[in-house]
């Protein structure tokens, strides 16, 4: 195990990634929980890094996001993340969803 993955760092990275992926899709915690067949409060605990997530739950989350488990534990690429956010905002603006 690397120093970067000690002391709950992997759990915090997973929490960050799950939250980013969920928000980028415009999903509520409830929508993600339904897609992953998990309880909503469990998803909330994952996003707060309060849960030690099982491999089965990781697989369900990855499947809900259309990715593989290792992708959930990778440091996000800020450039790609920014590009994805711009595409999402551009799409929302094009649909007339520019906020409250």
Protein backbone atom coordinates (compact mmCIF):
# COMPACT_ATOMS: atom_id res chain seq x y z
CA UNK A 1 0.00 0.00 0.00
CA UNK A 2 1.31 3.42 -0.90
CA UNK A 3 1.50 6.29 1.53
CA UNK A 4 -1.25 8.03 -0.44
CA UNK A 5 -3.66 5.17 0.29
CA UNK A 6 -3.04 4.93 4.03
CA UNK A 7 -5.16 6.44 6.78
CA UNK A 8 -8.50 6.38 4.95
CA UNK A 9 -7.22 8.17 1.84
CA UNK A 10 -8.83 5.59 -0.47
CA UNK A 11 -12.15 6.02 1.31
CA UNK A 12 -11.94 9.83 0.96
CA UNK A 13 -11.00 9.51 -2.72
CA UNK A 14 -13.96 7.20 -3.32
CA UNK A 15 -16.25 9.66 -1.47
CA UNK A 16 -15.04 12.55 -3.64
CA UNK A 17 -15.36 10.58 -6.89
CA UNK A 18 -18.84 9.23 -6.13
CA UNK A 19 -20.08 12.72 -5.28
CA UNK A 20 -18.51 14.29 -8.40
CA UNK A 21 -19.85 11.56 -10.68
CA UNK A 22 -23.31 11.80 -9.16
CA UNK A 23 -23.48 15.59 -9.41
CA UNK A 24 -22.13 15.60 -12.96
CA UNK A 25 -25.03 13.36 -13.94
CA UNK A 26 -27.51 15.59 -12.14
CA UNK A 27 -28.53 12.70 -9.88
CA UNK A 28 -29.78 12.93 -6.33
CA UNK A 29 -28.40 10.51 -3.77
CA UNK A 30 -31.73 8.72 -4.05
CA UNK A 31 -31.38 8.33 -7.83
CA UNK A 32 -27.86 6.91 -7.45
CA UNK A 33 -29.01 4.60 -4.66
CA UNK A 34 -31.77 3.28 -6.90
CA UNK A 35 -29.43 2.82 -9.88
CA UNK A 36 -26.88 0.99 -7.70
CA UNK A 37 -29.50 -0.91 -5.68
CA UNK A 38 -28.18 0.56 -2.44
CA UNK A 39 -29.88 2.42 0.40
CA UNK A 40 -29.90 6.23 0.08
CA UNK A 41 -28.43 6.72 3.55
CA UNK A 42 -25.61 4.30 2.64
CA UNK A 43 -24.81 6.39 -0.45
CA UNK A 44 -24.76 9.49 1.76
CA UNK A 45 -22.38 7.78 4.18
CA UNK A 46 -20.11 6.78 1.27
CA UNK A 47 -20.00 10.40 0.09
CA UNK A 48 -19.05 11.51 3.61
CA UNK A 49 -16.31 8.81 3.79
CA UNK A 50 -18.08 7.27 6.79
CA UNK A 51 -18.34 3.78 5.28
CA UNK A 52 -15.82 1.08 4.55
CA UNK A 53 -17.41 -0.01 1.28
CA UNK A 54 -17.61 -3.67 0.31
CA UNK A 55 -16.41 -4.90 -3.08
CA UNK A 56 -20.00 -5.79 -3.97
CA UNK A 57 -21.10 -2.21 -3.29
CA UNK A 58 -18.15 -0.84 -5.29
CA UNK A 59 -19.21 -3.02 -8.22
CA UNK A 60 -22.81 -1.76 -7.96
CA UNK A 61 -21.66 1.86 -7.89
CA UNK A 62 -19.32 1.36 -10.83
CA UNK A 63 -22.06 -0.34 -12.81
CA UNK A 64 -24.50 2.50 -12.05
CA UNK A 65 -21.96 4.97 -13.43
CA UNK A 66 -21.12 2.77 -16.44
CA UNK A 67 -17.51 2.24 -15.41
CA UNK A 68 -15.25 -0.31 -13.75
CA UNK A 69 -14.27 -0.40 -10.07
CA UNK A 70 -10.68 0.89 -10.52
CA UNK A 71 -12.08 4.07 -12.12
CA UNK A 72 -13.85 4.90 -8.85
CA UNK A 73 -10.50 4.91 -7.04
CA UNK A 74 -8.49 7.03 -9.49
CA UNK A 75 -7.51 10.63 -8.86
CA UNK A 76 -9.66 12.72 -11.19
CA UNK A 77 -7.91 14.50 -14.07
CA UNK A 78 -8.72 18.19 -13.49
CA UNK A 79 -8.55 18.97 -17.23
CA UNK A 80 -10.97 16.19 -18.15
CA UNK A 81 -13.21 17.04 -15.23
CA UNK A 82 -13.37 20.67 -16.37
CA UNK A 83 -14.16 19.60 -19.94
CA UNK A 84 -16.96 17.33 -18.72
CA UNK A 85 -18.43 20.11 -16.60
CA UNK A 86 -18.35 22.53 -19.54
CA UNK A 87 -20.12 19.96 -21.74
CA UNK A 88 -22.76 19.47 -19.06
CA UNK A 89 -23.34 23.19 -18.57
CA UNK A 90 -23.44 23.80 -22.32
CA UNK A 91 -25.99 21.01 -22.69
CA UNK A 92 -28.10 22.41 -19.85
CA UNK A 93 -28.01 25.92 -21.33
CA UNK A 94 -28.96 24.53 -24.74
CA UNK A 95 -32.00 22.87 -23.15
CA UNK A 96 -32.94 26.08 -21.35
CA UNK A 97 -31.98 24.66 -17.92
CA UNK A 98 -29.90 27.61 -16.79
CA UNK A 99 -30.87 27.57 -13.15
CA UNK A 100 -33.61 28.75 -10.82
